[in-house]
Amino acid sequence: QIALQELADIRHNSPELMPYLRPDSKSQFTVEYDESHRPV
């Protein structure tokens, strides 16, 4: 969620950084957890 919020902020407020952006986007994060279910 935060990754796409940052991407939207670039598109709306700092378009010079990535001037080619259009509105549609998706993200996906895979996190590794240990046996105690803590993010590693």
Full PDB file with SEQRES, HELIX, SHEET, SSBOND, CRYST1, ORIGX, SCALE, CONECT and MASTER records, all heavy atoms in Angstrom:
SEQRES   1 A   40  GLN ILE ALA LEU GLN GLU LEU ALA ASP ILE ARG HIS ASN          
SEQRES   2 A   40  SER PRO GLU LEU MET PRO TYR LEU ARG PRO ASP SER LYS          
SEQRES   3 A   40  SER GLN PHE THR VAL GLU TYR ASP GLU SER HIS ARG PRO          
SEQRES   4 A   40  VAL                                                          
HELIX    1 AA1 ILE A    2  ASN A   13  1                                  12    
CRYST1    1.000    1.000    1.000  90.00  90.00  90.00 P 1           1          
ORIGX1      1.000000  0.000000  0.000000        0.00000                         
ORIGX2      0.000000  1.000000  0.000000        0.00000                         
ORIGX3      0.000000  0.000000  1.000000        0.00000                         
SCALE1      1.000000  0.000000  0.000000        0.00000                         
SCALE2      0.000000  1.000000  0.000000        0.00000                         
SCALE3      0.000000  0.000000  1.000000        0.00000                         
ATOM      1  N   GLN A   1       0.827  -1.210   0.000  1.00  0.00           N  
ATOM      2  CA  GLN A   1       0.000   0.000   0.000  1.00  0.00           C  
ATOM      3  C   GLN A   1       0.860   1.258   0.000  1.00  0.00           C  
ATOM      4  O   GLN A   1       0.619   2.195  -0.775  1.00  0.00           O  
ATOM      5  CB  GLN A   1      -0.915   0.012   1.243  1.00  0.00           C  
ATOM      6  CG  GLN A   1      -1.836  -1.186   1.388  1.00  0.00           C  
ATOM      7  CD  GLN A   1      -3.097  -1.127   0.562  1.00  0.00           C  
ATOM      8  OE1 GLN A   1      -3.109  -0.539  -0.516  1.00  0.00           O  
ATOM      9  NE2 GLN A   1      -4.169  -1.765   1.031  1.00  0.00           N  
ATOM     10  N   ILE A   2       1.875   1.299   0.853  1.00  0.00           N  
ATOM     11  CA  ILE A   2       2.704   2.504   0.957  1.00  0.00           C  
ATOM     12  C   ILE A   2       3.475   2.741  -0.339  1.00  0.00           C  
ATOM     13  O   ILE A   2       3.632   3.890  -0.776  1.00  0.00           O  
ATOM     14  CB  ILE A   2       3.655   2.413   2.162  1.00  0.00           C  
ATOM     15  CG1 ILE A   2       2.853   2.419   3.463  1.00  0.00           C  
ATOM     16  CG2 ILE A   2       4.647   3.573   2.155  1.00  0.00           C  
ATOM     17  CD1 ILE A   2       3.691   2.295   4.709  1.00  0.00           C  
ATOM     18  N   ALA A   3       3.969   1.681  -0.979  1.00  0.00           N  
ATOM     19  CA  ALA A   3       4.705   1.830  -2.237  1.00  0.00           C  
ATOM     20  C   ALA A   3       3.860   2.541  -3.278  1.00  0.00           C  
ATOM     21  O   ALA A   3       4.334   3.450  -3.981  1.00  0.00           O  
ATOM     22  CB  ALA A   3       5.157   0.468  -2.753  1.00  0.00           C  
ATOM     23  N   LEU A   4       2.593   2.165  -3.387  1.00  0.00           N  
ATOM     24  CA  LEU A   4       1.729   2.792  -4.388  1.00  0.00           C  
ATOM     25  C   LEU A   4       1.313   4.196  -3.984  1.00  0.00           C  
ATOM     26  O   LEU A   4       1.105   5.048  -4.844  1.00  0.00           O  
ATOM     27  CB  LEU A   4       0.514   1.919  -4.635  1.00  0.00           C  
ATOM     28  CG  LEU A   4       0.813   0.588  -5.324  1.00  0.00           C  
ATOM     29  CD1 LEU A   4      -0.494  -0.117  -5.690  1.00  0.00           C  
ATOM     30  CD2 LEU A   4       1.664   0.774  -6.582  1.00  0.00           C  
ATOM     31  N   GLN A   5       1.184   4.456  -2.682  1.00  0.00           N  
ATOM     32  CA  GLN A   5       0.915   5.815  -2.244  1.00  0.00           C  
ATOM     33  C   GLN A   5       2.084   6.732  -2.601  1.00  0.00           C  
ATOM     34  O   GLN A   5       1.875   7.880  -3.019  1.00  0.00           O  
ATOM     35  CB  GLN A   5       0.643   5.841  -0.736  1.00  0.00           C  
ATOM     36  CG  GLN A   5      -0.709   5.252  -0.351  1.00  0.00           C  
ATOM     37  CD  GLN A   5      -0.903   5.209   1.148  1.00  0.00           C  
ATOM     38  OE1 GLN A   5      -0.225   4.492   1.864  1.00  0.00           O  
ATOM     39  NE2 GLN A   5      -1.841   5.968   1.646  1.00  0.00           N  
ATOM     40  N   GLU A   6       3.302   6.241  -2.438  1.00  0.00           N  
ATOM     41  CA  GLU A   6       4.470   7.026  -2.818  1.00  0.00           C  
ATOM     42  C   GLU A   6       4.507   7.244  -4.335  1.00  0.00           C  
ATOM     43  O   GLU A   6       4.845   8.336  -4.803  1.00  0.00           O  
ATOM     44  CB  GLU A   6       5.753   6.331  -2.359  1.00  0.00           C  
ATOM     45  CG  GLU A   6       5.962   6.356  -0.858  1.00  0.00           C  
ATOM     46  CD  GLU A   6       6.158   7.765  -0.311  1.00  0.00           C  
ATOM     47  OE1 GLU A   6       6.716   8.626  -1.038  1.00  0.00           O  
ATOM     48  OE2 GLU A   6       5.731   8.021   0.835  1.00  0.00           O  
ATOM     49  N   LEU A   7       4.165   6.224  -5.108  1.00  0.00           N  
ATOM     50  CA  LEU A   7       4.144   6.362  -6.557  1.00  0.00           C  
ATOM     51  C   LEU A   7       3.095   7.399  -6.980  1.00  0.00           C  
ATOM     52  O   LEU A   7       3.352   8.220  -7.871  1.00  0.00           O  
ATOM     53  CB  LEU A   7       3.849   5.010  -7.208  1.00  0.00           C  
ATOM     54  CG  LEU A   7       4.168   4.879  -8.703  1.00  0.00           C  
ATOM     55  CD1 LEU A   7       5.668   5.008  -8.959  1.00  0.00           C  
ATOM     56  CD2 LEU A   7       3.663   3.540  -9.233  1.00  0.00           C  
ATOM     57  N   ALA A   8       1.936   7.364  -6.342  1.00  0.00           N  
ATOM     58  CA  ALA A   8       0.897   8.345  -6.642  1.00  0.00           C  
ATOM     59  C   ALA A   8       1.340   9.754  -6.261  1.00  0.00           C  
ATOM     60  O   ALA A   8       1.050  10.728  -6.968  1.00  0.00           O  
ATOM     61  CB  ALA A   8      -0.398   7.987  -5.922  1.00  0.00           C  
ATOM     62  N   ASP A   9       2.044   9.863  -5.133  1.00  0.00           N  
ATOM     63  CA  ASP A   9       2.530  11.179  -4.710  1.00  0.00           C  
ATOM     64  C   ASP A   9       3.523  11.748  -5.724  1.00  0.00           C  
ATOM     65  O   ASP A   9       3.502  12.951  -6.015  1.00  0.00           O  
ATOM     66  CB  ASP A   9       3.180  11.074  -3.326  1.00  0.00           C  
ATOM     67  CG  ASP A   9       3.600  12.425  -2.783  1.00  0.00           C  
ATOM     68  OD1 ASP A   9       2.720  13.264  -2.543  1.00  0.00           O  
ATOM     69  OD2 ASP A   9       4.815  12.653  -2.599  1.00  0.00           O  
ATOM     70  N   ILE A  10       4.375  10.899  -6.263  1.00  0.00           N  
ATOM     71  CA  ILE A  10       5.292  11.345  -7.315  1.00  0.00           C  
ATOM     72  C   ILE A  10       4.501  11.839  -8.520  1.00  0.00           C  
ATOM     73  O   ILE A  10       4.771  12.913  -9.076  1.00  0.00           O  
ATOM     74  CB  ILE A  10       6.240  10.205  -7.726  1.00  0.00           C  
ATOM     75  CG1 ILE A  10       7.216   9.902  -6.588  1.00  0.00           C  
ATOM     76  CG2 ILE A  10       7.009  10.569  -9.001  1.00  0.00           C  
ATOM     77  CD1 ILE A  10       8.045   8.646  -6.807  1.00  0.00           C  
ATOM     78  N   ARG A  11       3.498  11.065  -8.944  1.00  0.00           N  
ATOM     79  CA  ARG A  11       2.720  11.424 -10.136  1.00  0.00           C  
ATOM     80  C   ARG A  11       1.966  12.738  -9.935  1.00  0.00           C  
ATOM     81  O   ARG A  11       1.927  13.581 -10.840  1.00  0.00           O  
ATOM     82  CB  ARG A  11       1.747  10.296 -10.471  1.00  0.00           C  
ATOM     83  CG  ARG A  11       0.881  10.555 -11.708  1.00  0.00           C  
ATOM     84  CD  ARG A  11       0.130   9.294 -12.107  1.00  0.00           C  
ATOM     85  NE  ARG A  11      -0.744   8.800 -11.076  1.00  0.00           N  
ATOM     86  CZ  ARG A  11      -1.986   9.223 -10.863  1.00  0.00           C  
ATOM     87  NH1 ARG A  11      -2.513  10.166 -11.619  1.00  0.00           N  
ATOM     88  NH2 ARG A  11      -2.710   8.700  -9.868  1.00  0.00           N  
ATOM     89  N   HIS A  12       1.388  12.939  -8.754  1.00  0.00           N  
ATOM     90  CA  HIS A  12       0.594  14.137  -8.505  1.00  0.00           C  
ATOM     91  C   HIS A  12       1.435  15.361  -8.166  1.00  0.00           C  
ATOM     92  O   HIS A  12       1.137  16.470  -8.608  1.00  0.00           O  
ATOM     93  CB  HIS A  12      -0.385  13.889  -7.355  1.00  0.00           C  
ATOM     94  CG  HIS A  12      -1.546  13.005  -7.696  1.00  0.00           C  
ATOM     95  ND1 HIS A  12      -2.490  13.332  -8.663  1.00  0.00           N  
ATOM     96  CD2 HIS A  12      -1.927  11.797  -7.202  1.00  0.00           C  
ATOM     97  CE1 HIS A  12      -3.401  12.370  -8.745  1.00  0.00           C  
ATOM     98  NE2 HIS A  12      -3.076  11.425  -7.871  1.00  0.00           N  
ATOM     99  N   ASN A  13       2.484  15.168  -7.353  1.00  0.00           N  
ATOM    100  CA  ASN A  13       3.178  16.303  -6.746  1.00  0.00           C  
ATOM    101  C   ASN A  13       4.617  16.502  -7.198  1.00  0.00           C  
ATOM    102  O   ASN A  13       5.152  17.601  -7.043  1.00  0.00           O  
ATOM    103  CB  ASN A  13       3.144  16.175  -5.218  1.00  0.00           C  
ATOM    104  CG  ASN A  13       1.728  16.145  -4.683  1.00  0.00           C  
ATOM    105  OD1 ASN A  13       0.896  16.959  -5.084  1.00  0.00           O  
ATOM    106  ND2 ASN A  13       1.423  15.204  -3.792  1.00  0.00           N  
ATOM    107  N   SER A  14       5.269  15.478  -7.739  1.00  0.00           N  
ATOM    108  CA  SER A  14       6.646  15.610  -8.226  1.00  0.00           C  
ATOM    109  C   SER A  14       6.797  14.915  -9.577  1.00  0.00           C  
ATOM    110  O   SER A  14       7.650  14.037  -9.748  1.00  0.00           O  
ATOM    111  CB  SER A  14       7.631  15.022  -7.209  1.00  0.00           C  
ATOM    112  OG  SER A  14       7.516  15.618  -5.941  1.00  0.00           O  
ATOM    113  N   PRO A  15       5.985  15.293 -10.558  1.00  0.00           N  
ATOM    114  CA  PRO A  15       5.984  14.560 -11.833  1.00  0.00           C  
ATOM    115  C   PRO A  15       7.311  14.623 -12.583  1.00  0.00           C  
ATOM    116  O   PRO A  15       7.573  13.753 -13.416  1.00  0.00           O  
ATOM    117  CB  PRO A  15       4.859  15.240 -12.629  1.00  0.00           C  
ATOM    118  CG  PRO A  15       4.722  16.600 -12.008  1.00  0.00           C  
ATOM    119  CD  PRO A  15       5.014  16.411 -10.560  1.00  0.00           C  
ATOM    120  N   GLU A  16       8.137  15.605 -12.268  1.00  0.00           N  
ATOM    121  CA  GLU A  16       9.432  15.699 -12.937  1.00  0.00           C  
ATOM    122  C   GLU A  16      10.338  14.499 -12.619  1.00  0.00           C  
ATOM    123  O   GLU A  16      11.257  14.193 -13.389  1.00  0.00           O  
ATOM    124  CB  GLU A  16      10.134  17.003 -12.554  1.00  0.00           C  
ATOM    125  CG  GLU A  16      10.634  17.093 -11.111  1.00  0.00           C  
ATOM    126  CD  GLU A  16       9.558  17.444 -10.089  1.00  0.00           C  
ATOM    127  OE1 GLU A  16       8.381  17.633 -10.495  1.00  0.00           O  
ATOM    128  OE2 GLU A  16       9.882  17.517  -8.877  1.00  0.00           O  
ATOM    129  N   LEU A  17      10.088  13.812 -11.501  1.00  0.00           N  
ATOM    130  CA  LEU A  17      10.916  12.667 -11.129  1.00  0.00           C  
ATOM    131  C   LEU A  17      10.665  11.467 -12.040  1.00  0.00           C  
ATOM    132  O   LEU A  17      11.593  10.765 -12.417  1.00  0.00           O  
ATOM    133  CB  LEU A  17      10.649  12.272  -9.672  1.00  0.00           C  
ATOM    134  CG  LEU A  17      11.017  13.296  -8.598  1.00  0.00           C  
ATOM    135  CD1 LEU A  17      10.625  12.782  -7.218  1.00  0.00           C  
ATOM    136  CD2 LEU A  17      12.503  13.615  -8.649  1.00  0.00           C  
ATOM    137  N   MET A  18       9.409  11.209 -12.353  1.00  0.00           N  
ATOM    138  CA  MET A  18       9.025  10.104 -13.230  1.00  0.00           C  
ATOM    139  C   MET A  18       7.926  10.618 -14.157  1.00  0.00           C  
ATOM    140  O   MET A  18       6.749  10.295 -13.992  1.00  0.00           O  
ATOM    141  CB  MET A  18       8.567   8.895 -12.406  1.00  0.00           C  
ATOM    142  CG  MET A  18       9.632   8.372 -11.439  1.00  0.00           C  
ATOM    143  SD  MET A  18       9.059   7.077 -10.286  1.00  0.00           S  
ATOM    144  CE  MET A  18       8.921   5.644 -11.364  1.00  0.00           C  
ATOM    145  N   PRO A  19       8.290  11.436 -15.148  1.00  0.00           N  
ATOM    146  CA  PRO A  19       7.300  12.192 -15.923  1.00  0.00           C  
ATOM    147  C   PRO A  19       6.391  11.352 -16.817  1.00  0.00           C  
ATOM    148  O   PRO A  19       5.413  11.861 -17.352  1.00  0.00           O  
ATOM    149  CB  PRO A  19       8.173  13.135 -16.757  1.00  0.00           C  
ATOM    150  CG  PRO A  19       9.516  12.472 -16.831  1.00  0.00           C  
ATOM    151  CD  PRO A  19       9.687  11.757 -15.536  1.00  0.00           C  
ATOM    152  N   TYR A  20       6.683  10.103 -16.973  1.00  0.00           N  
ATOM    153  CA  TYR A  20       5.936   9.221 -17.867  1.00  0.00           C  
ATOM    154  C   TYR A  20       4.783   8.493 -17.164  1.00  0.00           C  
ATOM    155  O   TYR A  20       4.022   7.767 -17.800  1.00  0.00           O  
ATOM    156  CB  TYR A  20       6.880   8.163 -18.451  1.00  0.00           C  
ATOM    157  CG  TYR A  20       7.777   7.551 -17.390  1.00  0.00           C  
ATOM    158  CD1 TYR A  20       7.316   6.579 -16.514  1.00  0.00           C  
ATOM    159  CD2 TYR A  20       9.090   7.999 -17.233  1.00  0.00           C  
ATOM    160  CE1 TYR A  20       8.109   6.043 -15.526  1.00  0.00           C  
ATOM    161  CE2 TYR A  20       9.916   7.462 -16.237  1.00  0.00           C  
ATOM    162  CZ  TYR A  20       9.418   6.488 -15.394  1.00  0.00           C  
ATOM    163  OH  TYR A  20      10.212   5.972 -14.406  1.00  0.00           O  
ATOM    164  N   LEU A  21       4.615   8.669 -15.859  1.00  0.00           N  
ATOM    165  CA  LEU A  21       3.655   7.879 -15.099  1.00  0.00           C  
ATOM    166  C   LEU A  21       2.217   8.160 -15.524  1.00  0.00           C  
ATOM    167  O   LEU A  21       1.816   9.306 -15.707  1.00  0.00           O  
ATOM    168  CB  LEU A  21       3.791   8.163 -13.603  1.00  0.00           C  
ATOM    169  CG  LEU A  21       5.051   7.657 -12.906  1.00  0.00           C  
ATOM    170  CD1 LEU A  21       5.050   8.099 -11.443  1.00  0.00           C  
ATOM    171  CD2 LEU A  21       5.168   6.146 -13.003  1.00  0.00           C  
ATOM    172  N   ARG A  22       1.444   7.092 -15.622  1.00  0.00           N  
ATOM    173  CA  ARG A  22       0.001   7.171 -15.794  1.00  0.00           C  
ATOM    174  C   ARG A  22      -0.672   6.611 -14.540  1.00  0.00           C  
ATOM    175  O   ARG A  22       0.007   6.036 -13.687  1.00  0.00           O  
ATOM    176  CB  ARG A  22      -0.431   6.420 -17.052  1.00  0.00           C  
ATOM    177  CG  ARG A  22       0.023   7.102 -18.352  1.00  0.00           C  
ATOM    178  CD  ARG A  22      -0.504   6.399 -19.599  1.00  0.00           C  
ATOM    179  NE  ARG A  22      -0.156   7.130 -20.827  1.00  0.00           N  
ATOM    180  CZ  ARG A  22      -0.547   6.806 -22.046  1.00  0.00           C  
ATOM    181  NH1 ARG A  22      -1.325   5.740 -22.228  1.00  0.00           N  
ATOM    182  NH2 ARG A  22      -0.184   7.543 -23.095  1.00  0.00           N  
ATOM    183  N   PRO A  23      -1.994   6.750 -14.390  1.00  0.00           N  
ATOM    184  CA  PRO A  23      -2.619   6.477 -13.094  1.00  0.00           C  
ATOM    185  C   PRO A  23      -2.642   5.024 -12.626  1.00  0.00           C  
ATOM    186  O   PRO A  23      -2.683   4.743 -11.432  1.00  0.00           O  
ATOM    187  CB  PRO A  23      -4.060   7.005 -13.275  1.00  0.00           C  
ATOM    188  CG  PRO A  23      -3.963   8.020 -14.371  1.00  0.00           C  
ATOM    189  CD  PRO A  23      -2.906   7.498 -15.299  1.00  0.00           C  
ATOM    190  N   ASP A  24      -2.665   4.058 -13.531  1.00  0.00           N  
ATOM    191  CA  ASP A  24      -2.858   2.662 -13.142  1.00  0.00           C  
ATOM    192  C   ASP A  24      -1.541   2.053 -12.674  1.00  0.00           C  
ATOM    193  O   ASP A  24      -0.508   2.211 -13.328  1.00  0.00           O  
ATOM    194  CB  ASP A  24      -3.410   1.875 -14.338  1.00  0.00           C  
ATOM    195  CG  ASP A  24      -3.947   0.504 -13.959  1.00  0.00           C  
ATOM    196  OD1 ASP A  24      -3.911   0.141 -12.766  1.00  0.00           O  
ATOM    197  OD2 ASP A  24      -4.417  -0.223 -14.874  1.00  0.00           O  
ATOM    198  N   SER A  25      -1.565   1.331 -11.571  1.00  0.00           N  
ATOM    199  CA  SER A  25      -0.360   0.643 -11.100  1.00  0.00           C  
ATOM    200  C   SER A  25      -0.736  -0.441 -10.099  1.00  0.00           C  
ATOM    201  O   SER A  25      -1.812  -0.421  -9.501  1.00  0.00           O  
ATOM    202  CB  SER A  25       0.650   1.614 -10.480  1.00  0.00           C  
ATOM    203  OG  SER A  25       0.088   2.349  -9.426  1.00  0.00           O  
ATOM    204  N   LYS A  26       0.191  -1.392  -9.918  1.00  0.00           N  
ATOM    205  CA  LYS A  26       0.027  -2.494  -8.965  1.00  0.00           C  
ATOM    206  C   LYS A  26       1.354  -2.746  -8.277  1.00  0.00           C  
ATOM    207  O   LYS A  26       2.416  -2.487  -8.840  1.00  0.00           O  
ATOM    208  CB  LYS A  26      -0.447  -3.769  -9.674  1.00  0.00           C  
ATOM    209  CG  LYS A  26      -1.763  -3.643 -10.410  1.00  0.00           C  
ATOM    210  CD  LYS A  26      -2.139  -4.920 -11.119  1.00  0.00           C  
ATOM    211  CE  LYS A  26      -2.610  -5.971 -10.129  1.00  0.00           C  
ATOM    212  NZ  LYS A  26      -3.182  -7.174 -10.819  1.00  0.00           N  
ATOM    213  N   SER A  27       1.277  -3.253  -7.069  1.00  0.00           N  
ATOM    214  CA  SER A  27       2.482  -3.647  -6.341  1.00  0.00           C  
ATOM    215  C   SER A  27       2.247  -5.000  -5.690  1.00  0.00           C  
ATOM    216  O   SER A  27       1.107  -5.414  -5.458  1.00  0.00           O  
ATOM    217  CB  SER A  27       2.856  -2.611  -5.279  1.00  0.00           C  
ATOM    218  OG  SER A  27       1.847  -2.541  -4.285  1.00  0.00           O  
ATOM    219  N   GLN A  28       3.341  -5.659  -5.371  1.00  0.00           N  
ATOM    220  CA  GLN A  28       3.269  -6.945  -4.683  1.00  0.00           C  
ATOM    221  C   GLN A  28       4.554  -7.142  -3.901  1.00  0.00           C  
ATOM    222  O   GLN A  28       5.650  -7.025  -4.459  1.00  0.00           O  
ATOM    223  CB  GLN A  28       3.075  -8.063  -5.709  1.00  0.00           C  
ATOM    224  CG  GLN A  28       2.837  -9.448  -5.131  1.00  0.00           C  
ATOM    225  CD  GLN A  28       2.471 -10.444  -6.194  1.00  0.00           C  
ATOM    226  OE1 GLN A  28       1.359 -10.456  -6.689  1.00  0.00           O  
ATOM    227  NE2 GLN A  28       3.424 -11.283  -6.577  1.00  0.00           N  
ATOM    228  N   PHE A  29       4.432  -7.442  -2.610  1.00  0.00           N  
ATOM    229  CA  PHE A  29       5.599  -7.659  -1.765  1.00  0.00           C  
ATOM    230  C   PHE A  29       5.536  -9.059  -1.164  1.00  0.00           C  
ATOM    231  O   PHE A  29       4.513  -9.471  -0.623  1.00  0.00           O  
ATOM    232  CB  PHE A  29       5.668  -6.621  -0.642  1.00  0.00           C  
ATOM    233  CG  PHE A  29       6.259  -5.305  -1.065  1.00  0.00           C  
ATOM    234  CD1 PHE A  29       5.563  -4.445  -1.896  1.00  0.00           C  
ATOM    235  CD2 PHE A  29       7.527  -4.931  -0.642  1.00  0.00           C  
ATOM    236  CE1 PHE A  29       6.106  -3.235  -2.293  1.00  0.00           C  
ATOM    237  CE2 PHE A  29       8.083  -3.728  -1.029  1.00  0.00           C  
ATOM    238  CZ  PHE A  29       7.372  -2.867  -1.859  1.00  0.00           C  
ATOM    239  N   THR A  30       6.650  -9.755  -1.267  1.00  0.00           N  
ATOM    240  CA  THR A  30       6.826 -11.048  -0.616  1.00  0.00           C  
ATOM    241  C   THR A  30       7.793 -10.865   0.543  1.00  0.00           C  
ATOM    242  O   THR A  30       8.897 -10.346   0.360  1.00  0.00           O  
ATOM    243  CB  THR A  30       7.373 -12.091  -1.597  1.00  0.00           C  
ATOM    244  OG1 THR A  30       6.456 -12.254  -2.692  1.00  0.00           O  
ATOM    245  CG2 THR A  30       7.574 -13.433  -0.909  1.00  0.00           C  
ATOM    246  N   VAL A  31       7.366 -11.283   1.726  1.00  0.00           N  
ATOM    247  CA  VAL A  31       8.174 -11.137   2.934  1.00  0.00           C  
ATOM    248  C   VAL A  31       8.528 -12.520   3.473  1.00  0.00           C  
ATOM    249  O   VAL A  31       7.685 -13.425   3.496  1.00  0.00           O  
ATOM    250  CB  VAL A  31       7.425 -10.326   4.009  1.00  0.00           C  
ATOM    251  CG1 VAL A  31       8.194 -10.319   5.335  1.00  0.00           C  
ATOM    252  CG2 VAL A  31       7.197  -8.888   3.515  1.00  0.00           C  
ATOM    253  N   GLU A  32       9.779 -12.679   3.896  1.00  0.00           N  
ATOM    254  CA  GLU A  32      10.209 -13.913   4.542  1.00  0.00           C  
ATOM    255  C   GLU A  32       9.989 -13.796   6.051  1.00  0.00           C  
ATOM    256  O   GLU A  32      10.366 -12.795   6.675  1.00  0.00           O  
ATOM    257  CB  GLU A  32      11.678 -14.186   4.252  1.00  0.00           C  
ATOM    258  CG  GLU A  32      12.210 -15.470   4.883  1.00  0.00           C  
ATOM    259  CD  GLU A  32      13.667 -15.728   4.595  1.00  0.00           C  
ATOM    260  OE1 GLU A  32      14.199 -15.187   3.596  1.00  0.00           O  
ATOM    261  OE2 GLU A  32      14.311 -16.472   5.384  1.00  0.00           O  
ATOM    262  N   TYR A  33       9.351 -14.835   6.630  1.00  0.00           N  
ATOM    263  CA  TYR A  33       9.091 -14.902   8.064  1.00  0.00           C  
ATOM    264  C   TYR A  33       9.880 -16.056   8.678  1.00  0.00           C  
ATOM    265  O   TYR A  33      10.146 -17.069   8.008  1.00  0.00           O  
ATOM    266  CB  TYR A  33       7.597 -15.138   8.331  1.00  0.00           C  
ATOM    267  CG  TYR A  33       6.706 -13.942   8.055  1.00  0.00           C  
ATOM    268  CD1 TYR A  33       6.274 -13.658   6.765  1.00  0.00           C  
ATOM    269  CD2 TYR A  33       6.292 -13.110   9.079  1.00  0.00           C  
ATOM    270  CE1 TYR A  33       5.443 -12.574   6.511  1.00  0.00           C  
ATOM    271  CE2 TYR A  33       5.459 -12.028   8.843  1.00  0.00           C  
ATOM    272  CZ  TYR A  33       5.044 -11.765   7.563  1.00  0.00           C  
ATOM    273  OH  TYR A  33       4.215 -10.692   7.312  1.00  0.00           O  
ATOM    274  N   ASP A  34      10.230 -15.915   9.969  1.00  0.00           N  
ATOM    275  CA  ASP A  34      10.879 -17.024  10.659  1.00  0.00           C  
ATOM    276  C   ASP A  34       9.840 -17.938  11.299  1.00  0.00           C  
ATOM    277  O   ASP A  34       8.621 -17.712  11.155  1.00  0.00           O  
ATOM    278  CB  ASP A  34      11.896 -16.513  11.691  1.00  0.00           C  
ATOM    279  CG  ASP A  34      11.256 -15.736  12.847  1.00  0.00           C  
ATOM    280  OD1 ASP A  34      10.035 -15.844  13.071  1.00  0.00           O  
ATOM    281  OD2 ASP A  34      12.004 -15.015  13.548  1.00  0.00           O  
ATOM    282  N   GLU A  35      10.288 -18.971  12.004  1.00  0.00           N  
ATOM    283  CA  GLU A  35       9.373 -19.954  12.581  1.00  0.00           C  
ATOM    284  C   GLU A  35       8.463 -19.351  13.647  1.00  0.00           C  
ATOM    285  O   GLU A  35       7.408 -19.905  13.953  1.00  0.00           O  
ATOM    286  CB  GLU A  35      10.167 -21.113  13.175  1.00  0.00           C  
ATOM    287  CG  GLU A  35      10.909 -21.952  12.139  1.00  0.00           C  
ATOM    288  CD  GLU A  35      11.710 -23.079  12.756  1.00  0.00           C  
ATOM    289  OE1 GLU A  35      12.044 -22.973  13.964  1.00  0.00           O  
ATOM    290  OE2 GLU A  35      12.005 -24.078  12.059  1.00  0.00           O  
ATOM    291  N   SER A  36       8.861 -18.220  14.199  1.00  0.00           N  
ATOM    292  CA  SER A  36       8.043 -17.533  15.202  1.00  0.00           C  
ATOM    293  C   SER A  36       7.119 -16.501  14.568  1.00  0.00           C  
ATOM    294  O   SER A  36       6.533 -15.666  15.265  1.00  0.00           O  
ATOM    295  CB  SER A  36       8.940 -16.865  16.248  1.00  0.00           C  
ATOM    296  OG  SER A  36       9.747 -17.817  16.911  1.00  0.00           O  
ATOM    297  N   HIS A  37       7.013 -16.516  13.229  1.00  0.00           N  
ATOM    298  CA  HIS A  37       6.130 -15.635  12.457  1.00  0.00           C  
ATOM    299  C   HIS A  37       6.553 -14.167  12.532  1.00  0.00           C  
ATOM    300  O   HIS A  37       5.722 -13.266  12.422  1.00  0.00           O  
ATOM    301  CB  HIS A  37       4.672 -15.796  12.902  1.00  0.00           C  
ATOM    302  CG  HIS A  37       4.216 -17.227  12.974  1.00  0.00           C  
ATOM    303  ND1 HIS A  37       4.128 -18.039  11.851  1.00  0.00           N  
ATOM    304  CD2 HIS A  37       3.846 -17.981  14.033  1.00  0.00           C  
ATOM    305  CE1 HIS A  37       3.725 -19.241  12.226  1.00  0.00           C  
ATOM    306  NE2 HIS A  37       3.552 -19.240  13.534  1.00  0.00           N  
ATOM    307  N   ARG A  38       7.858 -13.937  12.694  1.00  0.00           N  
ATOM    308  CA  ARG A  38       8.397 -12.584  12.683  1.00  0.00           C  
ATOM    309  C   ARG A  38       9.030 -12.287  11.324  1.00  0.00           C  
ATOM    310  O   ARG A  38       9.734 -13.131  10.761  1.00  0.00           O  
ATOM    311  CB  ARG A  38       9.434 -12.412  13.790  1.00  0.00           C  
ATOM    312  CG  ARG A  38       8.858 -12.481  15.203  1.00  0.00           C  
ATOM    313  CD  ARG A  38       9.943 -12.445  16.249  1.00  0.00           C  
ATOM    314  NE  ARG A  38      10.848 -13.589  16.123  1.00  0.00           N  
ATOM    315  CZ  ARG A  38      11.613 -14.067  17.078  1.00  0.00           C  
ATOM    316  NH1 ARG A  38      11.570 -13.498  18.273  1.00  0.00           N  
ATOM    317  NH2 ARG A  38      12.413 -15.083  16.877  1.00  0.00           N  
ATOM    318  N   PRO A  39       8.784 -11.096  10.773  1.00  0.00           N  
ATOM    319  CA  PRO A  39       9.392 -10.745   9.483  1.00  0.00           C  
ATOM    320  C   PRO A  39      10.917 -10.716   9.567  1.00  0.00           C  
ATOM    321  O   PRO A  39      11.482 -10.160  10.517  1.00  0.00           O  
ATOM    322  CB  PRO A  39       8.833  -9.343   9.193  1.00  0.00           C  
ATOM    323  CG  PRO A  39       7.681  -9.168  10.094  1.00  0.00           C  
ATOM    324  CD  PRO A  39       7.923 -10.018  11.292  1.00  0.00           C  
ATOM    325  N   VAL A  40      11.564 -11.344   8.594  1.00  0.00           N  
ATOM    326  CA  VAL A  40      13.020 -11.408   8.546  1.00  0.00           C  
ATOM    327  C   VAL A  40      13.581 -10.477   7.490  1.00  0.00           C  
ATOM    328  O   VAL A  40      14.542  -9.755   7.726  1.00  0.00           O  
ATOM    329  CB  VAL A  40      13.490 -12.855   8.275  1.00  0.00           C  
ATOM    330  CG1 VAL A  40      15.003 -12.911   8.094  1.00  0.00           C  
ATOM    331  CG2 VAL A  40      13.039 -13.790   9.380  1.00  0.00           C  
TER     332      VAL A  40                                                      
MASTER        0    0    0    1    0    0    0    6  331    1    0    4          
END                                                                             
